[in-house]
Amino acid sequence: MLHLYISQRPCQACHYLTSGSDQTNRWPESSPISACHQGCSKKRPCNGRVKKPHWYHPGTVALHKICRYQKSTDLLIRMVPFQRLARKFLQNLKMPYYYPRFTTEHFQATFLLAMQESVEAFSIRLLDDATLCVIHAMRVIIMPKDMQLVL
């Protein structure tokens, strides 16, 4: 992206080089400057600058994401990795004697979905309460002691 470092002059060089009948004074096609000066014409002169990319102030994108997630009712954790983790956890769980037919190979989809929704609701409530603790302590960052206080 060498064409970002073009001088700030308004396209005088481009018009000077292309206005004459001498074809040897043109920019070489492989030059990084030629990419900027391709659209130059006498009717609409270019200023030799490349448009800067748009950027947001710090925190604006985070606020947009917060609003988007608050409006949606979608699950925040991906379904397949959560199901894999839940199955792995439930395999290690020892069931009491009054569930002799309990096997961890097959689960209903509604059971896994309900489990995922409850885990997400619990974690969101936990983070909300931890955020209140942080605000009360006049800090900005959630620390492990806030999470321990909430639990």
N, C-alpha and C. Protein backbone atom coordinates (compact mmCIF):
# COMPACT_ATOMS: atom_id res chain seq x y z
N MET A 1 0.82 -1.18 0.00
CA MET A 1 0.00 0.00 0.00
C MET A 1 0.87 1.25 0.00
N LEU A 2 1.74 1.33 -0.94
CA LEU A 2 2.62 2.47 -1.03
C LEU A 2 1.90 3.72 -1.49
N HIS A 3 0.72 3.57 -2.11
CA HIS A 3 0.04 4.74 -2.60
C HIS A 3 -0.54 5.59 -1.48
N LEU A 4 -0.47 5.14 -0.24
CA LEU A 4 -0.93 5.95 0.89
C LEU A 4 0.06 7.06 1.22
N TYR A 5 1.28 6.92 0.75
CA TYR A 5 2.32 7.88 1.10
C TYR A 5 2.59 8.88 -0.03
N ILE A 6 1.61 9.17 -0.84
CA ILE A 6 1.76 10.13 -1.92
C ILE A 6 1.78 11.53 -1.31
N SER A 7 2.47 12.42 -1.97
CA SER A 7 2.56 13.78 -1.44
C SER A 7 1.18 14.43 -1.40
N GLN A 8 1.06 15.47 -0.63
CA GLN A 8 -0.22 16.13 -0.41
C GLN A 8 -0.53 17.15 -1.49
N ARG A 9 0.27 17.24 -2.53
CA ARG A 9 0.04 18.24 -3.57
C ARG A 9 -1.22 17.90 -4.36
N PRO A 10 -1.96 18.91 -4.76
CA PRO A 10 -3.12 18.60 -5.59
C PRO A 10 -2.69 18.24 -7.00
N CYS A 11 -2.81 17.22 -7.46
CA CYS A 11 -2.61 16.52 -8.70
C CYS A 11 -1.96 17.30 -9.85
N GLN A 12 -1.09 18.26 -9.57
CA GLN A 12 -0.44 19.02 -10.63
C GLN A 12 0.47 18.12 -11.45
N ALA A 13 1.17 17.24 -10.79
CA ALA A 13 2.10 16.38 -11.50
C ALA A 13 1.35 15.46 -12.45
N CYS A 14 0.23 14.97 -12.04
CA CYS A 14 -0.53 14.06 -12.88
C CYS A 14 -1.02 14.78 -14.13
N HIS A 15 -1.55 15.99 -13.96
CA HIS A 15 -2.06 16.74 -15.11
C HIS A 15 -0.92 17.21 -16.00
N TYR A 16 0.19 17.53 -15.42
CA TYR A 16 1.33 17.95 -16.21
C TYR A 16 1.83 16.80 -17.07
N LEU A 17 1.89 15.60 -16.48
CA LEU A 17 2.43 14.47 -17.21
C LEU A 17 1.47 13.95 -18.28
N THR A 18 0.16 14.05 -18.02
CA THR A 18 -0.79 13.49 -18.98
C THR A 18 -1.28 14.52 -19.98
N SER A 19 -1.05 15.80 -19.76
CA SER A 19 -1.60 16.80 -20.67
C SER A 19 -0.77 16.95 -21.94
N GLY A 20 0.51 16.67 -21.87
CA GLY A 20 1.37 16.84 -23.04
C GLY A 20 1.17 15.72 -24.05
N SER A 21 1.67 15.96 -25.25
CA SER A 21 1.55 14.95 -26.29
C SER A 21 2.65 13.91 -26.18
N ASP A 22 3.65 14.17 -25.36
CA ASP A 22 4.75 13.25 -25.21
C ASP A 22 4.32 12.10 -24.30
N GLN A 23 4.28 10.89 -24.80
CA GLN A 23 3.82 9.73 -24.03
C GLN A 23 4.90 9.17 -23.11
N THR A 24 6.12 9.64 -23.21
CA THR A 24 7.18 9.09 -22.37
C THR A 24 7.13 9.63 -20.96
N ASN A 25 6.39 10.71 -20.73
CA ASN A 25 6.34 11.33 -19.42
C ASN A 25 5.24 10.77 -18.52
N ARG A 26 4.53 9.78 -18.98
CA ARG A 26 3.44 9.23 -18.16
C ARG A 26 3.98 8.36 -17.03
N TRP A 27 3.13 8.18 -15.99
CA TRP A 27 3.51 7.30 -14.89
C TRP A 27 3.58 5.88 -15.40
N PRO A 28 4.52 5.09 -14.95
CA PRO A 28 4.50 3.68 -15.34
C PRO A 28 3.28 2.98 -14.75
N GLU A 29 2.74 2.00 -15.47
CA GLU A 29 1.51 1.33 -15.05
C GLU A 29 1.70 0.55 -13.74
N SER A 30 2.90 0.06 -13.49
CA SER A 30 3.12 -0.72 -12.27
C SER A 30 3.43 0.16 -11.07
N SER A 31 3.49 1.46 -11.28
CA SER A 31 3.83 2.37 -10.19
C SER A 31 2.68 2.45 -9.19
N PRO A 32 2.99 2.55 -7.89
CA PRO A 32 1.91 2.69 -6.90
C PRO A 32 1.19 4.02 -7.05
N ILE A 33 1.82 4.99 -7.66
CA ILE A 33 1.18 6.29 -7.84
C ILE A 33 0.12 6.21 -8.93
N SER A 34 0.32 5.33 -9.92
CA SER A 34 -0.64 5.25 -11.01
C SER A 34 -2.00 4.77 -10.53
N ALA A 35 -2.04 4.00 -9.44
CA ALA A 35 -3.32 3.53 -8.91
C ALA A 35 -4.14 4.70 -8.39
N CYS A 36 -3.49 5.68 -7.80
CA CYS A 36 -4.20 6.84 -7.30
C CYS A 36 -4.62 7.75 -8.45
N HIS A 37 -3.79 7.87 -9.46
CA HIS A 37 -4.01 8.85 -10.51
C HIS A 37 -4.69 8.27 -11.74
N GLN A 38 -5.31 7.10 -11.63
CA GLN A 38 -5.96 6.52 -12.80
C GLN A 38 -7.18 7.32 -13.21
N GLY A 39 -7.95 7.80 -12.24
CA GLY A 39 -9.19 8.48 -12.58
C GLY A 39 -9.04 9.96 -12.83
N CYS A 40 -7.84 10.47 -12.96
CA CYS A 40 -7.64 11.90 -13.13
C CYS A 40 -8.10 12.34 -14.51
N SER A 41 -8.80 13.44 -14.55
CA SER A 41 -9.19 14.05 -15.82
C SER A 41 -9.22 15.54 -15.62
N LYS A 42 -9.28 16.27 -16.71
CA LYS A 42 -9.26 17.73 -16.59
C LYS A 42 -10.58 18.25 -16.02
N LYS A 43 -11.67 17.49 -16.25
CA LYS A 43 -12.97 17.93 -15.74
C LYS A 43 -13.04 17.79 -14.22
N ARG A 44 -12.56 16.69 -13.73
CA ARG A 44 -12.64 16.42 -12.30
C ARG A 44 -11.26 16.04 -11.78
N PRO A 45 -10.46 17.01 -11.37
CA PRO A 45 -9.11 16.70 -10.92
C PRO A 45 -9.13 15.98 -9.58
N CYS A 46 -8.22 15.04 -9.43
CA CYS A 46 -8.10 14.39 -8.13
C CYS A 46 -7.06 15.15 -7.32
N ASN A 47 -7.11 15.03 -6.02
CA ASN A 47 -6.20 15.80 -5.19
C ASN A 47 -4.97 15.01 -4.81
N GLY A 48 -4.80 13.81 -5.31
CA GLY A 48 -3.61 13.02 -5.02
C GLY A 48 -3.63 12.35 -3.67
N ARG A 49 -4.75 12.39 -2.97
CA ARG A 49 -4.85 11.80 -1.64
C ARG A 49 -5.72 10.55 -1.69
N VAL A 50 -5.45 9.66 -0.80
CA VAL A 50 -6.27 8.46 -0.66
C VAL A 50 -7.19 8.67 0.53
N LYS A 51 -8.46 8.28 0.36
CA LYS A 51 -9.43 8.49 1.42
C LYS A 51 -9.08 7.64 2.64
N LYS A 52 -9.12 8.23 3.81
CA LYS A 52 -8.82 7.50 5.05
C LYS A 52 -9.96 6.55 5.37
N PRO A 53 -9.65 5.42 5.97
CA PRO A 53 -10.73 4.53 6.39
C PRO A 53 -11.52 5.14 7.55
N HIS A 54 -12.80 4.82 7.59
CA HIS A 54 -13.65 5.35 8.66
C HIS A 54 -13.36 4.63 9.96
N TRP A 55 -13.30 5.36 11.05
CA TRP A 55 -13.06 4.74 12.36
C TRP A 55 -13.98 5.38 13.38
N TYR A 56 -14.30 4.58 14.40
CA TYR A 56 -15.17 5.03 15.48
C TYR A 56 -14.33 5.40 16.70
N HIS A 57 -14.89 6.25 17.55
CA HIS A 57 -14.23 6.58 18.80
C HIS A 57 -14.19 5.35 19.69
N PRO A 58 -13.23 5.27 20.59
CA PRO A 58 -13.15 4.10 21.47
C PRO A 58 -14.42 3.96 22.31
N GLY A 59 -14.97 2.77 22.33
CA GLY A 59 -16.17 2.48 23.11
C GLY A 59 -17.45 2.52 22.30
N THR A 60 -17.44 3.14 21.14
CA THR A 60 -18.66 3.24 20.35
C THR A 60 -19.09 1.89 19.80
N VAL A 61 -18.13 1.13 19.31
CA VAL A 61 -18.44 -0.19 18.76
C VAL A 61 -18.93 -1.11 19.88
N ALA A 62 -18.33 -0.99 21.06
CA ALA A 62 -18.77 -1.82 22.18
C ALA A 62 -20.22 -1.49 22.55
N LEU A 63 -20.58 -0.22 22.53
CA LEU A 63 -21.96 0.15 22.84
C LEU A 63 -22.93 -0.36 21.78
N HIS A 64 -22.52 -0.33 20.51
CA HIS A 64 -23.36 -0.88 19.45
C HIS A 64 -23.58 -2.38 19.64
N LYS A 65 -22.50 -3.09 20.03
CA LYS A 65 -22.64 -4.52 20.25
C LYS A 65 -23.53 -4.82 21.45
N ILE A 66 -23.41 -4.02 22.51
CA ILE A 66 -24.25 -4.21 23.69
C ILE A 66 -25.72 -4.04 23.32
N CYS A 67 -26.02 -2.99 22.57
CA CYS A 67 -27.40 -2.75 22.15
C CYS A 67 -27.91 -3.89 21.28
N ARG A 68 -27.06 -4.39 20.38
CA ARG A 68 -27.48 -5.47 19.49
C ARG A 68 -27.78 -6.74 20.28
N TYR A 69 -26.92 -7.06 21.25
CA TYR A 69 -27.13 -8.28 22.03
C TYR A 69 -28.31 -8.14 22.98
N GLN A 70 -28.59 -6.92 23.46
CA GLN A 70 -29.75 -6.74 24.33
C GLN A 70 -31.06 -6.86 23.57
N LYS A 71 -31.05 -6.47 22.31
CA LYS A 71 -32.27 -6.57 21.51
C LYS A 71 -32.57 -7.99 21.07
N SER A 72 -31.52 -8.81 20.90
CA SER A 72 -31.72 -10.15 20.36
C SER A 72 -32.04 -11.15 21.47
N THR A 73 -32.65 -12.25 21.06
CA THR A 73 -32.93 -13.33 22.00
C THR A 73 -32.14 -14.58 21.62
N ASP A 74 -31.13 -14.42 20.78
CA ASP A 74 -30.32 -15.56 20.35
C ASP A 74 -29.43 -16.03 21.49
N LEU A 75 -28.98 -17.28 21.36
CA LEU A 75 -28.05 -17.81 22.34
C LEU A 75 -26.67 -17.23 22.07
N LEU A 76 -25.94 -16.93 23.13
CA LEU A 76 -24.62 -16.31 22.99
C LEU A 76 -23.52 -17.34 22.80
N ILE A 77 -23.69 -18.52 23.40
CA ILE A 77 -22.71 -19.59 23.27
C ILE A 77 -23.13 -20.46 22.09
N ARG A 78 -22.18 -20.87 21.29
CA ARG A 78 -22.48 -21.74 20.15
C ARG A 78 -23.02 -23.08 20.65
N MET A 79 -23.97 -23.63 19.89
CA MET A 79 -24.71 -24.79 20.37
C MET A 79 -23.86 -26.06 20.40
N VAL A 80 -23.14 -26.34 19.32
CA VAL A 80 -22.40 -27.61 19.23
C VAL A 80 -21.26 -27.69 20.24
N PRO A 81 -20.42 -26.66 20.41
CA PRO A 81 -19.39 -26.76 21.45
C PRO A 81 -19.97 -26.90 22.86
N PHE A 82 -21.09 -26.22 23.12
CA PHE A 82 -21.70 -26.36 24.43
C PHE A 82 -22.22 -27.77 24.65
N GLN A 83 -22.84 -28.36 23.63
CA GLN A 83 -23.34 -29.72 23.77
C GLN A 83 -22.19 -30.71 24.00
N ARG A 84 -21.08 -30.49 23.31
CA ARG A 84 -19.92 -31.36 23.50
C ARG A 84 -19.43 -31.28 24.94
N LEU A 85 -19.35 -30.06 25.46
CA LEU A 85 -18.89 -29.86 26.83
C LEU A 85 -19.87 -30.46 27.84
N ALA A 86 -21.16 -30.29 27.59
CA ALA A 86 -22.17 -30.83 28.50
C ALA A 86 -22.13 -32.36 28.52
N ARG A 87 -21.99 -32.98 27.35
CA ARG A 87 -21.91 -34.44 27.30
C ARG A 87 -20.66 -34.94 28.03
N LYS A 88 -19.55 -34.24 27.84
CA LYS A 88 -18.30 -34.65 28.50
C LYS A 88 -18.45 -34.52 30.02
N PHE A 89 -19.09 -33.45 30.47
CA PHE A 89 -19.29 -33.25 31.90
C PHE A 89 -20.23 -34.30 32.48
N LEU A 90 -21.30 -34.61 31.76
CA LEU A 90 -22.28 -35.57 32.28
C LEU A 90 -21.77 -37.00 32.25
N GLN A 91 -20.79 -37.31 31.42
CA GLN A 91 -20.21 -38.64 31.43
C GLN A 91 -19.45 -38.90 32.72
N ASN A 92 -18.82 -37.87 33.25
CA ASN A 92 -18.05 -38.02 34.48
C ASN A 92 -18.93 -37.99 35.72
N LEU A 93 -20.19 -37.66 35.56
CA LEU A 93 -21.11 -37.54 36.69
C LEU A 93 -21.59 -38.93 37.11
N LYS A 94 -21.47 -39.25 38.38
CA LYS A 94 -21.95 -40.53 38.91
C LYS A 94 -23.41 -40.38 39.33
N MET A 95 -24.26 -41.18 38.74
CA MET A 95 -25.68 -41.09 39.07
C MET A 95 -26.00 -42.05 40.22
N PRO A 96 -26.98 -41.70 41.06
CA PRO A 96 -27.34 -42.60 42.17
C PRO A 96 -27.99 -43.88 41.67
N TYR A 97 -28.18 -44.80 42.57
CA TYR A 97 -28.66 -46.14 42.22
C TYR A 97 -30.08 -46.15 41.67
N TYR A 98 -30.91 -45.13 41.96
CA TYR A 98 -32.28 -45.17 41.50
C TYR A 98 -32.43 -44.68 40.06
N TYR A 99 -31.34 -44.45 39.34
CA TYR A 99 -31.38 -44.18 37.91
C TYR A 99 -30.58 -45.26 37.19
N PRO A 100 -31.05 -46.49 37.18
CA PRO A 100 -30.23 -47.55 36.60
C PRO A 100 -30.13 -47.46 35.08
N ARG A 101 -31.12 -46.87 34.42
CA ARG A 101 -31.12 -46.84 32.97
C ARG A 101 -30.56 -45.54 32.41
N PHE A 102 -29.96 -44.75 33.26
CA PHE A 102 -29.42 -43.45 32.80
C PHE A 102 -28.14 -43.70 32.01
N THR A 103 -28.14 -43.30 30.76
CA THR A 103 -26.93 -43.38 29.94
C THR A 103 -26.63 -42.00 29.40
N THR A 104 -25.37 -41.73 29.24
CA THR A 104 -24.97 -40.40 28.79
C THR A 104 -24.78 -40.35 27.28
N GLU A 105 -25.19 -41.41 26.59
CA GLU A 105 -25.00 -41.40 25.14
C GLU A 105 -26.08 -40.61 24.43
N HIS A 106 -27.30 -40.64 24.96
CA HIS A 106 -28.42 -39.99 24.27
C HIS A 106 -29.08 -38.97 25.19
N PHE A 107 -29.22 -37.76 24.68
CA PHE A 107 -29.94 -36.72 25.39
C PHE A 107 -30.96 -36.13 24.44
N GLN A 108 -32.07 -35.69 24.99
CA GLN A 108 -33.04 -34.98 24.15
C GLN A 108 -32.50 -33.60 23.82
N ALA A 109 -32.85 -33.13 22.66
CA ALA A 109 -32.38 -31.82 22.21
C ALA A 109 -32.94 -30.71 23.10
N THR A 110 -34.17 -30.91 23.59
CA THR A 110 -34.77 -29.89 24.45
C THR A 110 -34.05 -29.80 25.79
N PHE A 111 -33.56 -30.96 26.28
CA PHE A 111 -32.80 -30.95 27.53
C PHE A 111 -31.52 -30.13 27.38
N LEU A 112 -30.79 -30.37 26.29
CA LEU A 112 -29.54 -29.63 26.07
C LEU A 112 -29.80 -28.15 25.85
N LEU A 113 -30.89 -27.84 25.14
CA LEU A 113 -31.23 -26.43 24.91
C LEU A 113 -31.62 -25.73 26.21
N ALA A 114 -32.40 -26.41 27.05
CA ALA A 114 -32.79 -25.83 28.34
C ALA A 114 -31.58 -25.64 29.24
N MET A 115 -30.67 -26.61 29.19
CA MET A 115 -29.45 -26.50 29.99
C MET A 115 -28.60 -25.31 29.52
N GLN A 116 -28.50 -25.14 28.21
CA GLN A 116 -27.71 -24.03 27.69
C GLN A 116 -28.34 -22.68 28.05
N GLU A 117 -29.65 -22.58 27.95
CA GLU A 117 -30.31 -21.32 28.30
C GLU A 117 -30.13 -21.00 29.77
N SER A 118 -30.21 -22.02 30.63
CA SER A 118 -30.05 -21.75 32.06
C SER A 118 -28.61 -21.35 32.39
N VAL A 119 -27.64 -21.97 31.73
CA VAL A 119 -26.23 -21.60 31.95
C VAL A 119 -25.98 -20.16 31.50
N GLU A 120 -26.54 -19.80 30.34
CA GLU A 120 -26.35 -18.42 29.86
C GLU A 120 -27.04 -17.41 30.77
N ALA A 121 -28.24 -17.73 31.23
CA ALA A 121 -28.94 -16.81 32.12
C ALA A 121 -28.17 -16.62 33.43
N PHE A 122 -27.63 -17.73 33.96
CA PHE A 122 -26.86 -17.63 35.20
C PHE A 122 -25.60 -16.81 35.01
N SER A 123 -24.89 -17.04 33.91
CA SER A 123 -23.63 -16.29 33.70
C SER A 123 -23.90 -14.82 33.44
N ILE A 124 -24.97 -14.49 32.75
CA ILE A 124 -25.30 -13.07 32.52
C ILE A 124 -25.67 -12.39 33.82
N ARG A 125 -26.46 -13.09 34.66
CA ARG A 125 -26.82 -12.50 35.96
C ARG A 125 -25.58 -12.31 36.83
N LEU A 126 -24.66 -13.28 36.76
CA LEU A 126 -23.43 -13.20 37.53
C LEU A 126 -22.59 -11.99 37.09
N LEU A 127 -22.47 -11.80 35.78
CA LEU A 127 -21.69 -10.65 35.28
C LEU A 127 -22.37 -9.32 35.57
N ASP A 128 -23.71 -9.30 35.54
CA ASP A 128 -24.43 -8.06 35.89
C ASP A 128 -24.17 -7.68 37.35
N ASP A 129 -24.25 -8.65 38.24
CA ASP A 129 -24.01 -8.37 39.66
C ASP A 129 -22.56 -7.98 39.90
N ALA A 130 -21.63 -8.62 39.19
CA ALA A 130 -20.23 -8.24 39.33
C ALA A 130 -19.98 -6.83 38.82
N THR A 131 -20.69 -6.44 37.77
CA THR A 131 -20.57 -5.07 37.26
C THR A 131 -21.07 -4.06 38.27
N LEU A 132 -22.15 -4.40 38.99
CA LEU A 132 -22.65 -3.51 40.04
C LEU A 132 -21.62 -3.37 41.17
N CYS A 133 -20.95 -4.46 41.50
CA CYS A 133 -19.89 -4.40 42.52
C CYS A 133 -18.74 -3.51 42.07
N VAL A 134 -18.39 -3.60 40.80
CA VAL A 134 -17.31 -2.78 40.26
C VAL A 134 -17.68 -1.31 40.30
N ILE A 135 -18.91 -1.00 39.93
CA ILE A 135 -19.36 0.40 39.96
C ILE A 135 -19.39 0.92 41.39
N HIS A 136 -19.82 0.08 42.32
CA HIS A 136 -19.85 0.49 43.72
C HIS A 136 -18.44 0.77 44.24
N ALA A 137 -17.45 0.00 43.78
CA ALA A 137 -16.07 0.20 44.22
C ALA A 137 -15.37 1.30 43.43
N MET A 138 -16.09 1.96 42.53
CA MET A 138 -15.56 3.05 41.69
C MET A 138 -14.38 2.58 40.85
N ARG A 139 -14.55 1.40 40.25
CA ARG A 139 -13.56 0.87 39.33
C ARG A 139 -14.20 0.65 37.98
N VAL A 140 -13.39 0.19 37.03
CA VAL A 140 -13.88 -0.04 35.69
C VAL A 140 -13.79 -1.52 35.30
N ILE A 141 -12.81 -2.23 35.82
CA ILE A 141 -12.52 -3.59 35.41
C ILE A 141 -13.06 -4.58 36.43
N ILE A 142 -13.70 -5.65 35.93
CA ILE A 142 -14.17 -6.72 36.81
C ILE A 142 -12.98 -7.55 37.26
N MET A 143 -12.85 -7.74 38.56
CA MET A 143 -11.74 -8.51 39.12
C MET A 143 -12.27 -9.80 39.72
N PRO A 144 -11.38 -10.77 39.96
CA PRO A 144 -11.84 -12.04 40.56
C PRO A 144 -12.53 -11.86 41.91
N LYS A 145 -12.11 -10.85 42.68
CA LYS A 145 -12.75 -10.65 43.99
C LYS A 145 -14.21 -10.21 43.84
N ASP A 146 -14.54 -9.53 42.73
CA ASP A 146 -15.95 -9.17 42.49
C ASP A 146 -16.77 -10.41 42.19
N MET A 147 -16.19 -11.32 41.40
CA MET A 147 -16.91 -12.56 41.07
C MET A 147 -17.11 -13.41 42.33
N GLN A 148 -16.10 -13.45 43.22
CA GLN A 148 -16.22 -14.23 44.45
C GLN A 148 -17.26 -13.61 45.37
N LEU A 149 -17.33 -12.30 45.39
CA LEU A 149 -18.34 -11.63 46.23
C LEU A 149 -19.74 -11.95 45.74
N VAL A 150 -19.92 -11.97 44.44
CA VAL A 150 -21.25 -12.24 43.87
C VAL A 150 -21.66 -13.69 44.10
N LEU A 151 -20.72 -14.61 43.98
CA LEU A 151 -21.05 -16.01 44.20
C LEU A 151 -21.33 -16.24 45.67
